[in-house]
Amino acid sequence: MTMPPDSSEVTDTDPHPTQALDDTVHQRHRLGILTITAEAERVEFTYLRDMLTLTGGNLSRHLAVLAEAGLIDVTKGYEGRRPRTWIAITPAGRDALAAELRALEALVLRHRRKPDA
């Protein structure tokens, strides 16, 4: 994957930074899932649900999309007698998140760029 150009190097022939946004990652709840899981070794389903203010069913659907794309791992188990679901970001998920953040940074830089006088 190529890095978006520095805003000082942007020309009219360069692709617009939005072309580098990934539809799977860019959706706000999925971006939230990836950023939260990138901050920890793993997070519990209920923590994500509460942090993102989603219903359990809605969160489950977003997790399924990310898992199918190989961006997260979902592990089910027990803590004592209570069933738990843990989510962890994969190396591919970290790469996808980093690429998304680079694209967003390039978009912000392009937007803030002062026009030539």
PDB file of N, CA and C in Angstrom:
ATOM      1  N   MET A   1       0.848  -1.168   0.000  1.00  0.00           N
ATOM      2  CA  MET A   1       0.000   0.000   0.000  1.00  0.00           C
ATOM      3  C   MET A   1       0.892   1.228   0.000  1.00  0.00           C
ATOM      4  N   THR A   2       0.563   2.200  -0.827  1.00  0.00           N
ATOM      5  CA  THR A   2       1.375   3.400  -0.918  1.00  0.00           C
ATOM      6  C   THR A   2       0.936   4.413   0.121  1.00  0.00           C
ATOM      7  N   MET A   3       1.894   5.208   0.539  1.00  0.00           N
ATOM      8  CA  MET A   3       1.622   6.256   1.518  1.00  0.00           C
ATOM      9  C   MET A   3       1.030   7.455   0.793  1.00  0.00           C
ATOM     10  N   PRO A   4       0.011   8.113   1.375  1.00  0.00           N
ATOM     11  CA  PRO A   4      -0.493   9.343   0.787  1.00  0.00           C
ATOM     12  C   PRO A   4       0.618  10.384   0.790  1.00  0.00           C
ATOM     13  N   PRO A   5       0.669  11.244  -0.218  1.00  0.00           N
ATOM     14  CA  PRO A   5       1.734  12.236  -0.265  1.00  0.00           C
ATOM     15  C   PRO A   5       1.587  13.275   0.833  1.00  0.00           C
ATOM     16  N   ASP A   6       2.719  13.854   1.218  1.00  0.00           N
ATOM     17  CA  ASP A   6       2.718  14.980   2.148  1.00  0.00           C
ATOM     18  C   ASP A   6       1.950  16.110   1.470  1.00  0.00           C
ATOM     19  N   SER A   7       1.197  16.900   2.245  1.00  0.00           N
ATOM     20  CA  SER A   7       0.357  17.941   1.655  1.00  0.00           C
ATOM     21  C   SER A   7       1.168  18.958   0.870  1.00  0.00           C
ATOM     22  N   SER A   8       2.437  19.150   1.218  1.00  0.00           N
ATOM     23  CA  SER A   8       3.253  20.107   0.487  1.00  0.00           C
ATOM     24  C   SER A   8       3.629  19.576  -0.888  1.00  0.00           C
ATOM     25  N   GLU A   9       3.455  18.271  -1.092  1.00  0.00           N
ATOM     26  CA  GLU A   9       3.809  17.645  -2.355  1.00  0.00           C
ATOM     27  C   GLU A   9       2.599  17.308  -3.211  1.00  0.00           C
ATOM     28  N   VAL A  10       1.394  17.647  -2.763  1.00  0.00           N
ATOM     29  CA  VAL A  10       0.177  17.275  -3.472  1.00  0.00           C
ATOM     30  C   VAL A  10       0.048  18.077  -4.756  1.00  0.00           C
ATOM     31  N   THR A  11      -0.259  17.383  -5.838  1.00  0.00           N
ATOM     32  CA  THR A  11      -0.522  18.038  -7.114  1.00  0.00           C
ATOM     33  C   THR A  11      -1.921  17.659  -7.558  1.00  0.00           C
ATOM     34  N   ASP A  12      -2.409  18.333  -8.587  1.00  0.00           N
ATOM     35  CA  ASP A  12      -3.742  18.039  -9.106  1.00  0.00           C
ATOM     36  C   ASP A  12      -3.817  16.650  -9.734  1.00  0.00           C
ATOM     37  N   THR A  13      -2.675  16.040 -10.030  1.00  0.00           N
ATOM     38  CA  THR A  13      -2.686  14.711 -10.629  1.00  0.00           C
ATOM     39  C   THR A  13      -2.654  13.597  -9.594  1.00  0.00           C
ATOM     40  N   ASP A  14      -2.406  13.954  -8.323  1.00  0.00           N
ATOM     41  CA  ASP A  14      -2.397  12.948  -7.251  1.00  0.00           C
ATOM     42  C   ASP A  14      -3.824  12.497  -6.965  1.00  0.00           C
ATOM     43  N   PRO A  15      -4.014  11.209  -6.639  1.00  0.00           N
ATOM     44  CA  PRO A  15      -5.367  10.772  -6.260  1.00  0.00           C
ATOM     45  C   PRO A  15      -5.805  11.486  -4.985  1.00  0.00           C
ATOM     46  N   HIS A  16      -7.072  11.757  -4.900  1.00  0.00           N
ATOM     47  CA  HIS A  16      -7.605  12.413  -3.702  1.00  0.00           C
ATOM     48  C   HIS A  16      -7.461  11.457  -2.520  1.00  0.00           C
ATOM     49  N   PRO A  17      -7.128  11.965  -1.319  1.00  0.00           N
ATOM     50  CA  PRO A  17      -6.925  11.094  -0.157  1.00  0.00           C
ATOM     51  C   PRO A  17      -8.122  10.193   0.163  1.00  0.00           C
ATOM     52  N   THR A  18      -9.323  10.595  -0.210  1.00  0.00           N
ATOM     53  CA  THR A  18     -10.483   9.750   0.078  1.00  0.00           C
ATOM     54  C   THR A  18     -10.426   8.432  -0.676  1.00  0.00           C
ATOM     55  N   GLN A  19      -9.619   8.383  -1.737  1.00  0.00           N
ATOM     56  CA  GLN A  19      -9.478   7.136  -2.494  1.00  0.00           C
ATOM     57  C   GLN A  19      -8.787   6.049  -1.664  1.00  0.00           C
ATOM     58  N   ALA A  20      -8.058   6.449  -0.635  1.00  0.00           N
ATOM     59  CA  ALA A  20      -7.349   5.489   0.214  1.00  0.00           C
ATOM     60  C   ALA A  20      -8.181   5.019   1.402  1.00  0.00           C
ATOM     61  N   LEU A  21      -9.386   5.595   1.580  1.00  0.00           N
ATOM     62  CA  LEU A  21     -10.231   5.157   2.698  1.00  0.00           C
ATOM     63  C   LEU A  21     -10.801   3.777   2.399  1.00  0.00           C
ATOM     64  N   ASP A  22     -10.819   2.934   3.399  1.00  0.00           N
ATOM     65  CA  ASP A  22     -11.309   1.561   3.276  1.00  0.00           C
ATOM     66  C   ASP A  22     -12.738   1.510   3.819  1.00  0.00           C
ATOM     67  N   ASP A  23     -13.700   1.128   2.999  1.00  0.00           N
ATOM     68  CA  ASP A  23     -15.099   1.112   3.421  1.00  0.00           C
ATOM     69  C   ASP A  23     -15.337   0.210   4.629  1.00  0.00           C
ATOM     70  N   THR A  24     -14.608  -0.877   4.733  1.00  0.00           N
ATOM     71  CA  THR A  24     -14.777  -1.784   5.870  1.00  0.00           C
ATOM     72  C   THR A  24     -14.321  -1.118   7.159  1.00  0.00           C
ATOM     73  N   VAL A  25     -13.210  -0.424   7.113  1.00  0.00           N
ATOM     74  CA  VAL A  25     -12.627   0.206   8.297  1.00  0.00           C
ATOM     75  C   VAL A  25     -13.279   1.551   8.586  1.00  0.00           C
ATOM     76  N   HIS A  26     -13.621   2.297   7.561  1.00  0.00           N
ATOM     77  CA  HIS A  26     -14.035   3.687   7.729  1.00  0.00           C
ATOM     78  C   HIS A  26     -15.391   3.850   8.419  1.00  0.00           C
ATOM     79  N   GLN A  27     -16.252   2.885   8.341  1.00  0.00           N
ATOM     80  CA  GLN A  27     -17.559   2.997   9.007  1.00  0.00           C
ATOM     81  C   GLN A  27     -17.292   3.318  10.480  1.00  0.00           C
ATOM     82  N   ARG A  28     -17.986   4.308  11.043  1.00  0.00           N
ATOM     83  CA  ARG A  28     -17.591   4.847  12.346  1.00  0.00           C
ATOM     84  C   ARG A  28     -17.563   3.838  13.478  1.00  0.00           C
ATOM     85  N   HIS A  29     -18.481   2.911  13.531  1.00  0.00           N
ATOM     86  CA  HIS A  29     -18.465   1.937  14.620  1.00  0.00           C
ATOM     87  C   HIS A  29     -17.326   0.941  14.445  1.00  0.00           C
ATOM     88  N   ARG A  30     -17.070   0.549  13.211  1.00  0.00           N
ATOM     89  CA  ARG A  30     -15.950  -0.378  12.983  1.00  0.00           C
ATOM     90  C   ARG A  30     -14.615   0.313  13.237  1.00  0.00           C
ATOM     91  N   LEU A  31     -14.512   1.588  12.869  1.00  0.00           N
ATOM     92  CA  LEU A  31     -13.302   2.347  13.184  1.00  0.00           C
ATOM     93  C   LEU A  31     -13.134   2.440  14.705  1.00  0.00           C
ATOM     94  N   GLY A  32     -14.229   2.630  15.415  1.00  0.00           N
ATOM     95  CA  GLY A  32     -14.181   2.653  16.881  1.00  0.00           C
ATOM     96  C   GLY A  32     -13.721   1.327  17.460  1.00  0.00           C
ATOM     97  N   ILE A  33     -14.242   0.234  16.915  1.00  0.00           N
ATOM     98  CA  ILE A  33     -13.840  -1.099  17.384  1.00  0.00           C
ATOM     99  C   ILE A  33     -12.343  -1.289  17.196  1.00  0.00           C
ATOM    100  N   LEU A  34     -11.836  -0.944  16.015  1.00  0.00           N
ATOM    101  CA  LEU A  34     -10.411  -1.134  15.736  1.00  0.00           C
ATOM    102  C   LEU A  34      -9.538  -0.235  16.603  1.00  0.00           C
ATOM    103  N   THR A  35      -9.936   1.008  16.801  1.00  0.00           N
ATOM    104  CA  THR A  35      -9.102   1.892  17.623  1.00  0.00           C
ATOM    105  C   THR A  35      -9.095   1.458  19.086  1.00  0.00           C
ATOM    106  N   ILE A  36     -10.236   1.032  19.588  1.00  0.00           N
ATOM    107  CA  ILE A  36     -10.291   0.574  20.984  1.00  0.00           C
ATOM    108  C   ILE A  36      -9.492  -0.711  21.157  1.00  0.00           C
ATOM    109  N   THR A  37      -9.644  -1.661  20.248  1.00  0.00           N
ATOM    110  CA  THR A  37      -8.909  -2.923  20.394  1.00  0.00           C
ATOM    111  C   THR A  37      -7.413  -2.739  20.173  1.00  0.00           C
ATOM    112  N   ALA A  38      -7.027  -1.723  19.406  1.00  0.00           N
ATOM    113  CA  ALA A  38      -5.598  -1.457  19.199  1.00  0.00           C
ATOM    114  C   ALA A  38      -4.934  -0.938  20.461  1.00  0.00           C
ATOM    115  N   GLU A  39      -5.726  -0.409  21.379  1.00  0.00           N
ATOM    116  CA  GLU A  39      -5.189   0.146  22.625  1.00  0.00           C
ATOM    117  C   GLU A  39      -4.970  -0.918  23.704  1.00  0.00           C
ATOM    118  N   ALA A  40      -5.506  -2.105  23.522  1.00  0.00           N
ATOM    119  CA  ALA A  40      -5.421  -3.143  24.559  1.00  0.00           C
ATOM    120  C   ALA A  40      -5.086  -4.491  23.915  1.00  0.00           C
ATOM    121  N   GLU A  41      -4.652  -5.428  24.729  1.00  0.00           N
ATOM    122  CA  GLU A  41      -4.379  -6.779  24.226  1.00  0.00           C
ATOM    123  C   GLU A  41      -5.661  -7.413  23.705  1.00  0.00           C
ATOM    124  N   ARG A  42      -6.727  -7.255  24.465  1.00  0.00           N
ATOM    125  CA  ARG A  42      -8.056  -7.710  24.059  1.00  0.00           C
ATOM    126  C   ARG A  42      -9.085  -6.958  24.885  1.00  0.00           C
ATOM    127  N   VAL A  43     -10.303  -6.864  24.343  1.00  0.00           N
ATOM    128  CA  VAL A  43     -11.376  -6.182  25.067  1.00  0.00           C
ATOM    129  C   VAL A  43     -12.598  -7.080  25.092  1.00  0.00           C
ATOM    130  N   GLU A  44     -13.411  -6.875  26.093  1.00  0.00           N
ATOM    131  CA  GLU A  44     -14.621  -7.677  26.243  1.00  0.00           C
ATOM    132  C   GLU A  44     -15.766  -7.058  25.445  1.00  0.00           C
ATOM    133  N   PHE A  45     -16.617  -7.901  24.936  1.00  0.00           N
ATOM    134  CA  PHE A  45     -17.771  -7.508  24.141  1.00  0.00           C
ATOM    135  C   PHE A  45     -18.577  -6.408  24.826  1.00  0.00           C
ATOM    136  N   THR A  46     -18.883  -6.603  26.105  1.00  0.00           N
ATOM    137  CA  THR A  46     -19.724  -5.628  26.810  1.00  0.00           C
ATOM    138  C   THR A  46     -19.034  -4.272  26.934  1.00  0.00           C
ATOM    139  N   TYR A  47     -17.712  -4.269  27.043  1.00  0.00           N
ATOM    140  CA  TYR A  47     -16.968  -3.011  27.107  1.00  0.00           C
ATOM    141  C   TYR A  47     -17.137  -2.255  25.789  1.00  0.00           C
ATOM    142  N   LEU A  48     -16.946  -2.957  24.668  1.00  0.00           N
ATOM    143  CA  LEU A  48     -17.137  -2.322  23.359  1.00  0.00           C
ATOM    144  C   LEU A  48     -18.570  -1.833  23.187  1.00  0.00           C
ATOM    145  N   ARG A  49     -19.505  -2.669  23.554  1.00  0.00           N
ATOM    146  CA  ARG A  49     -20.920  -2.300  23.435  1.00  0.00           C
ATOM    147  C   ARG A  49     -21.205  -1.005  24.180  1.00  0.00           C
ATOM    148  N   ASP A  50     -20.713  -0.921  25.411  1.00  0.00           N
ATOM    149  CA  ASP A  50     -20.961   0.257  26.235  1.00  0.00           C
ATOM    150  C   ASP A  50     -20.198   1.486  25.735  1.00  0.00           C
ATOM    151  N   MET A  51     -18.940   1.314  25.346  1.00  0.00           N
ATOM    152  CA  MET A  51     -18.125   2.434  24.873  1.00  0.00           C
ATOM    153  C   MET A  51     -18.682   3.036  23.588  1.00  0.00           C
ATOM    154  N   LEU A  52     -19.210   2.185  22.717  1.00  0.00           N
ATOM    155  CA  LEU A  52     -19.710   2.644  21.426  1.00  0.00           C
ATOM    156  C   LEU A  52     -21.218   2.884  21.430  1.00  0.00           C
ATOM    157  N   THR A  53     -21.848   2.655  22.573  1.00  0.00           N
ATOM    158  CA  THR A  53     -23.306   2.803  22.751  1.00  0.00           C
ATOM    159  C   THR A  53     -24.085   2.113  21.625  1.00  0.00           C
ATOM    160  N   LEU A  54     -23.783   0.834  21.455  1.00  0.00           N
ATOM    161  CA  LEU A  54     -24.456   0.004  20.467  1.00  0.00           C
ATOM    162  C   LEU A  54     -25.299  -1.051  21.161  1.00  0.00           C
ATOM    163  N   THR A  55     -26.272  -1.587  20.458  1.00  0.00           N
ATOM    164  CA  THR A  55     -26.978  -2.755  20.972  1.00  0.00           C
ATOM    165  C   THR A  55     -26.069  -3.958  20.763  1.00  0.00           C
ATOM    166  N   GLY A  56     -26.323  -5.021  21.491  1.00  0.00           N
ATOM    167  CA  GLY A  56     -25.528  -6.228  21.325  1.00  0.00           C
ATOM    168  C   GLY A  56     -25.599  -6.773  19.909  1.00  0.00           C
ATOM    169  N   GLY A  57     -26.797  -6.759  19.323  1.00  0.00           N
ATOM    170  CA  GLY A  57     -26.960  -7.262  17.961  1.00  0.00           C
ATOM    171  C   GLY A  57     -26.222  -6.427  16.933  1.00  0.00           C
ATOM    172  N   ASN A  58     -26.272  -5.104  17.100  1.00  0.00           N
ATOM    173  CA  ASN A  58     -25.581  -4.217  16.169  1.00  0.00           C
ATOM    174  C   ASN A  58     -24.074  -4.414  16.269  1.00  0.00           C
ATOM    175  N   LEU A  59     -23.550  -4.495  17.493  1.00  0.00           N
ATOM    176  CA  LEU A  59     -22.124  -4.733  17.682  1.00  0.00           C
ATOM    177  C   LEU A  59     -21.735  -6.074  17.081  1.00  0.00           C
ATOM    178  N   SER A  60     -22.538  -7.098  17.290  1.00  0.00           N
ATOM    179  CA  SER A  60     -22.234  -8.428  16.742  1.00  0.00           C
ATOM    180  C   SER A  60     -22.083  -8.383  15.231  1.00  0.00           C
ATOM    181  N   ARG A  61     -22.941  -7.627  14.569  1.00  0.00           N
ATOM    182  CA  ARG A  61     -22.868  -7.532  13.102  1.00  0.00           C
ATOM    183  C   ARG A  61     -21.578  -6.846  12.664  1.00  0.00           C
ATOM    184  N   HIS A  62     -21.203  -5.761  13.345  1.00  0.00           N
ATOM    185  CA  HIS A  62     -19.951  -5.074  13.004  1.00  0.00           C
ATOM    186  C   HIS A  62     -18.743  -5.972  13.272  1.00  0.00           C
ATOM    187  N   LEU A  63     -18.789  -6.721  14.363  1.00  0.00           N
ATOM    188  CA  LEU A  63     -17.692  -7.654  14.663  1.00  0.00           C
ATOM    189  C   LEU A  63     -17.589  -8.728  13.596  1.00  0.00           C
ATOM    190  N   ALA A  64     -18.729  -9.212  13.111  1.00  0.00           N
ATOM    191  CA  ALA A  64     -18.726 -10.238  12.061  1.00  0.00           C
ATOM    192  C   ALA A  64     -18.071  -9.707  10.792  1.00  0.00           C
ATOM    193  N   VAL A  65     -18.370  -8.474  10.416  1.00  0.00           N
ATOM    194  CA  VAL A  65     -17.774  -7.870   9.216  1.00  0.00           C
ATOM    195  C   VAL A  65     -16.258  -7.778   9.376  1.00  0.00           C
ATOM    196  N   LEU A  66     -15.811  -7.291  10.542  1.00  0.00           N
ATOM    197  CA  LEU A  66     -14.370  -7.158  10.778  1.00  0.00           C
ATOM    198  C   LEU A  66     -13.675  -8.518  10.862  1.00  0.00           C
ATOM    199  N   ALA A  67     -14.333  -9.490  11.480  1.00  0.00           N
ATOM    200  CA  ALA A  67     -13.749 -10.837  11.579  1.00  0.00           C
ATOM    201  C   ALA A  67     -13.656 -11.482  10.203  1.00  0.00           C
ATOM    202  N   GLU A  68     -14.694 -11.335   9.377  1.00  0.00           N
ATOM    203  CA  GLU A  68     -14.674 -11.897   8.022  1.00  0.00           C
ATOM    204  C   GLU A  68     -13.555 -11.286   7.187  1.00  0.00           C
ATOM    205  N   ALA A  69     -13.225 -10.024   7.460  1.00  0.00           N
ATOM    206  CA  ALA A  69     -12.144  -9.347   6.747  1.00  0.00           C
ATOM    207  C   ALA A  69     -10.772  -9.685   7.332  1.00  0.00           C
ATOM    208  N   GLY A  70     -10.744 -10.439   8.441  1.00  0.00           N
ATOM    209  CA  GLY A  70      -9.475 -10.819   9.070  1.00  0.00           C
ATOM    210  C   GLY A  70      -8.846  -9.716   9.900  1.00  0.00           C
ATOM    211  N   LEU A  71      -9.638  -8.710  10.281  1.00  0.00           N
ATOM    212  CA  LEU A  71      -9.094  -7.569  11.010  1.00  0.00           C
ATOM    213  C   LEU A  71      -9.167  -7.728  12.526  1.00  0.00           C
ATOM    214  N   ILE A  72     -10.018  -8.632  12.996  1.00  0.00           N
ATOM    215  CA  ILE A  72     -10.107  -8.924  14.434  1.00  0.00           C
ATOM    216  C   ILE A  72     -10.252 -10.423  14.636  1.00  0.00           C
ATOM    217  N   ASP A  73      -9.926 -10.859  15.839  1.00  0.00           N
ATOM    218  CA  ASP A  73     -10.203 -12.224  16.285  1.00  0.00           C
ATOM    219  C   ASP A  73     -11.235 -12.142  17.399  1.00  0.00           C
ATOM    220  N   VAL A  74     -12.235 -13.004  17.338  1.00  0.00           N
ATOM    221  CA  VAL A  74     -13.268 -13.076  18.370  1.00  0.00           C
ATOM    222  C   VAL A  74     -13.107 -14.412  19.078  1.00  0.00           C
ATOM    223  N   THR A  75     -12.954 -14.360  20.397  1.00  0.00           N
ATOM    224  CA  THR A  75     -12.762 -15.564  21.200  1.00  0.00           C
ATOM    225  C   THR A  75     -13.862 -15.641  22.245  1.00  0.00           C
ATOM    226  N   LYS A  76     -14.519 -16.790  22.305  1.00  0.00           N
ATOM    227  CA  LYS A  76     -15.571 -16.997  23.313  1.00  0.00           C
ATOM    228  C   LYS A  76     -15.029 -17.927  24.386  1.00  0.00           C
ATOM    229  N   GLY A  77     -15.417 -17.663  25.611  1.00  0.00           N
ATOM    230  CA  GLY A  77     -14.956 -18.485  26.715  1.00  0.00           C
ATOM    231  C   GLY A  77     -15.750 -18.158  27.967  1.00  0.00           C
ATOM    232  N   TYR A  78     -15.187 -18.542  29.072  1.00  0.00           N
ATOM    233  CA  TYR A  78     -15.843 -18.305  30.357  1.00  0.00           C
ATOM    234  C   TYR A  78     -14.878 -17.623  31.301  1.00  0.00           C
ATOM    235  N   GLU A  79     -15.443 -16.776  32.125  1.00  0.00           N
ATOM    236  CA  GLU A  79     -14.722 -16.187  33.239  1.00  0.00           C
ATOM    237  C   GLU A  79     -15.514 -16.618  34.462  1.00  0.00           C
ATOM    238  N   GLY A  80     -14.986 -17.609  35.151  1.00  0.00           N
ATOM    239  CA  GLY A  80     -15.790 -18.253  36.192  1.00  0.00           C
ATOM    240  C   GLY A  80     -16.906 -19.015  35.494  1.00  0.00           C
ATOM    241  N   ARG A  81     -18.138 -18.766  35.895  1.00  0.00           N
ATOM    242  CA  ARG A  81     -19.288 -19.421  35.259  1.00  0.00           C
ATOM    243  C   ARG A  81     -19.951 -18.544  34.203  1.00  0.00           C
ATOM    244  N   ARG A  82     -19.439 -17.341  34.026  1.00  0.00           N
ATOM    245  CA  ARG A  82     -20.073 -16.398  33.106  1.00  0.00           C
ATOM    246  C   ARG A  82     -19.459 -16.494  31.710  1.00  0.00           C
ATOM    247  N   PRO A  83     -20.286 -16.663  30.706  1.00  0.00           N
ATOM    248  CA  PRO A  83     -19.767 -16.667  29.340  1.00  0.00           C
ATOM    249  C   PRO A  83     -19.260 -15.271  28.961  1.00  0.00           C
ATOM    250  N   ARG A  84     -18.149 -15.238  28.242  1.00  0.00           N
ATOM    251  CA  ARG A  84     -17.533 -13.971  27.833  1.00  0.00           C
ATOM    252  C   ARG A  84     -17.114 -14.073  26.364  1.00  0.00           C
ATOM    253  N   THR A  85     -17.098 -12.922  25.726  1.00  0.00           N
ATOM    254  CA  THR A  85     -16.582 -12.817  24.365  1.00  0.00           C
ATOM    255  C   THR A  85     -15.519 -11.733  24.367  1.00  0.00           C
ATOM    256  N   TRP A  86     -14.313 -12.089  23.893  1.00  0.00           N
ATOM    257  CA  TRP A  86     -13.204 -11.148  23.834  1.00  0.00           C
ATOM    258  C   TRP A  86     -12.860 -10.871  22.381  1.00  0.00           C
ATOM    259  N   ILE A  87     -12.458  -9.645  22.134  1.00  0.00           N
ATOM    260  CA  ILE A  87     -12.110  -9.215  20.792  1.00  0.00           C
ATOM    261  C   ILE A  87     -10.681  -8.689  20.821  1.00  0.00           C
ATOM    262  N   ALA A  88      -9.887  -9.098  19.832  1.00  0.00           N
ATOM    263  CA  ALA A  88      -8.502  -8.627  19.707  1.00  0.00           C
ATOM    264  C   ALA A  88      -8.251  -8.239  18.254  1.00  0.00           C
ATOM    265  N   ILE A  89      -7.495  -7.194  18.060  1.00  0.00           N
ATOM    266  CA  ILE A  89      -7.132  -6.772  16.714  1.00  0.00           C
ATOM    267  C   ILE A  89      -6.020  -7.687  16.197  1.00  0.00           C
ATOM    268  N   THR A  90      -6.068  -8.006  14.924  1.00  0.00           N
ATOM    269  CA  THR A  90      -5.044  -8.844  14.295  1.00  0.00           C
ATOM    270  C   THR A  90      -3.949  -7.952  13.711  1.00  0.00           C
ATOM    271  N   PRO A  91      -2.820  -8.540  13.312  1.00  0.00           N
ATOM    272  CA  PRO A  91      -1.800  -7.733  12.610  1.00  0.00           C
ATOM    273  C   PRO A  91      -2.375  -7.064  11.350  1.00  0.00           C
ATOM    274  N   ALA A  92      -3.220  -7.771  10.619  1.00  0.00           N
ATOM    275  CA  ALA A  92      -3.847  -7.168   9.435  1.00  0.00           C
ATOM    276  C   ALA A  92      -4.760  -6.011   9.849  1.00  0.00           C
ATOM    277  N   GLY A  93      -5.415  -6.149  10.996  1.00  0.00           N
ATOM    278  CA  GLY A  93      -6.259  -5.077  11.508  1.00  0.00           C
ATOM    279  C   GLY A  93      -5.440  -3.850  11.879  1.00  0.00           C
ATOM    280  N   ARG A  94      -4.283  -4.080  12.488  1.00  0.00           N
ATOM    281  CA  ARG A  94      -3.397  -2.957  12.825  1.00  0.00           C
ATOM    282  C   ARG A  94      -2.926  -2.243  11.561  1.00  0.00           C
ATOM    283  N   ASP A  95      -2.585  -3.028  10.533  1.00  0.00           N
ATOM    284  CA  ASP A  95      -2.147  -2.442   9.265  1.00  0.00           C
ATOM    285  C   ASP A  95      -3.275  -1.642   8.612  1.00  0.00           C
ATOM    286  N   ALA A  96      -4.484  -2.191   8.619  1.00  0.00           N
ATOM    287  CA  ALA A  96      -5.631  -1.506   8.020  1.00  0.00           C
ATOM    288  C   ALA A  96      -5.954  -0.225   8.779  1.00  0.00           C
ATOM    289  N   LEU A  97      -5.864  -0.268  10.107  1.00  0.00           N
ATOM    290  CA  LEU A  97      -6.112   0.919  10.912  1.00  0.00           C
ATOM    291  C   LEU A  97      -5.052   1.981  10.624  1.00  0.00           C
ATOM    292  N   ALA A  98      -3.799   1.578  10.547  1.00  0.00           N
ATOM    293  CA  ALA A  98      -2.718   2.530  10.259  1.00  0.00           C
ATOM    294  C   ALA A  98      -2.912   3.164   8.881  1.00  0.00           C
ATOM    295  N   ALA A  99      -3.303   2.377   7.893  1.00  0.00           N
ATOM    296  CA  ALA A  99      -3.543   2.912   6.551  1.00  0.00           C
ATOM    297  C   ALA A  99      -4.709   3.901   6.558  1.00  0.00           C
ATOM    298  N   GLU A 100      -5.748   3.580   7.304  1.00  0.00           N
ATOM    299  CA  GLU A 100      -6.914   4.467   7.401  1.00  0.00           C
ATOM    300  C   GLU A 100      -6.519   5.791   8.058  1.00  0.00           C
ATOM    301  N   LEU A 101      -5.735   5.720   9.121  1.00  0.00           N
ATOM    302  CA  LEU A 101      -5.302   6.938   9.805  1.00  0.00           C
ATOM    303  C   LEU A 101      -4.399   7.782   8.907  1.00  0.00           C
ATOM    304  N   ARG A 102      -3.530   7.133   8.113  1.00  0.00           N
ATOM    305  CA  ARG A 102      -2.698   7.877   7.159  1.00  0.00           C
ATOM    306  C   ARG A 102      -3.565   8.595   6.130  1.00  0.00           C
ATOM    307  N   ALA A 103      -4.594   7.915   5.635  1.00  0.00           N
ATOM    308  CA  ALA A 103      -5.491   8.531   4.647  1.00  0.00           C
ATOM    309  C   ALA A 103      -6.237   9.708   5.261  1.00  0.00           C
ATOM    310  N   LEU A 104      -6.690   9.556   6.499  1.00  0.00           N
ATOM    311  CA  LEU A 104      -7.390  10.654   7.172  1.00  0.00           C
ATOM    312  C   LEU A 104      -6.451  11.835   7.419  1.00  0.00           C
ATOM    313  N   GLU A 105      -5.210  11.532   7.808  1.00  0.00           N
ATOM    314  CA  GLU A 105      -4.226  12.598   8.008  1.00  0.00           C
ATOM    315  C   GLU A 105      -3.966  13.347   6.704  1.00  0.00           C
ATOM    316  N   ALA A 106      -3.829  12.606   5.605  1.00  0.00           N
ATOM    317  CA  ALA A 106      -3.600  13.238   4.305  1.00  0.00           C
ATOM    318  C   ALA A 106      -4.786  14.114   3.913  1.00  0.00           C
ATOM    319  N   LEU A 107      -5.983  13.663   4.217  1.00  0.00           N
ATOM    320  CA  LEU A 107      -7.181  14.442   3.912  1.00  0.00           C
ATOM    321  C   LEU A 107      -7.204  15.741   4.721  1.00  0.00           C
ATOM    322  N   VAL A 108      -6.881  15.646   5.998  1.00  0.00           N
ATOM    323  CA  VAL A 108      -6.846  16.845   6.846  1.00  0.00           C
ATOM    324  C   VAL A 108      -5.758  17.802   6.356  1.00  0.00           C
ATOM    325  N   LEU A 109      -4.582  17.276   6.051  1.00  0.00           N
ATOM    326  CA  LEU A 109      -3.496  18.127   5.562  1.00  0.00           C
ATOM    327  C   LEU A 109      -3.877  18.809   4.255  1.00  0.00           C
ATOM    328  N   ARG A 110      -4.501  18.080   3.375  1.00  0.00           N
ATOM    329  CA  ARG A 110      -4.919  18.652   2.091  1.00  0.00           C
ATOM    330  C   ARG A 110      -5.951  19.758   2.323  1.00  0.00           C
ATOM    331  N   HIS A 111      -6.857  19.533   3.234  1.00  0.00           N
ATOM    332  CA  HIS A 111      -7.905  20.514   3.532  1.00  0.00           C
ATOM    333  C   HIS A 111      -7.317  21.785   4.143  1.00  0.00           C
ATOM    334  N   ARG A 112      -6.306  21.628   4.964  1.00  0.00           N
ATOM    335  CA  ARG A 112      -5.702  22.780   5.646  1.00  0.00           C
ATOM    336  C   ARG A 112      -4.662  23.494   4.788  1.00  0.00           C
ATOM    337  N   ARG A 113      -4.273  22.889   3.698  1.00  0.00           N
ATOM    338  CA  ARG A 113      -3.231  23.453   2.830  1.00  0.00           C
ATOM    339  C   ARG A 113      -3.655  24.838   2.380  1.00  0.00           C
ATOM    340  N   LYS A 114      -2.726  25.773   2.464  1.00  0.00           N
ATOM    341  CA  LYS A 114      -3.010  27.136   2.025  1.00  0.00           C
ATOM    342  C   LYS A 114      -2.866  27.197   0.497  1.00  0.00           C
ATOM    343  N   PRO A 115      -3.821  27.828  -0.158  1.00  0.00           N
ATOM    344  CA  PRO A 115      -3.706  27.952  -1.619  1.00  0.00           C
ATOM    345  C   PRO A 115      -2.502  28.808  -1.993  1.00  0.00           C
ATOM    346  N   ASP A 116      -1.918  28.473  -3.129  1.00  0.00           N
ATOM    347  CA  ASP A 116      -0.783  29.250  -3.620  1.00  0.00           C
ATOM    348  C   ASP A 116      -1.231  30.658  -3.957  1.00  0.00           C
ATOM    349  N   ALA A 117      -0.422  31.627  -3.589  1.00  0.00           N
ATOM    350  CA  ALA A 117      -0.787  33.026  -3.852  1.00  0.00           C
ATOM    351  C   ALA A 117      -0.326  33.478  -5.209  1.00  0.00           C
TER     352      ALA A 117
END
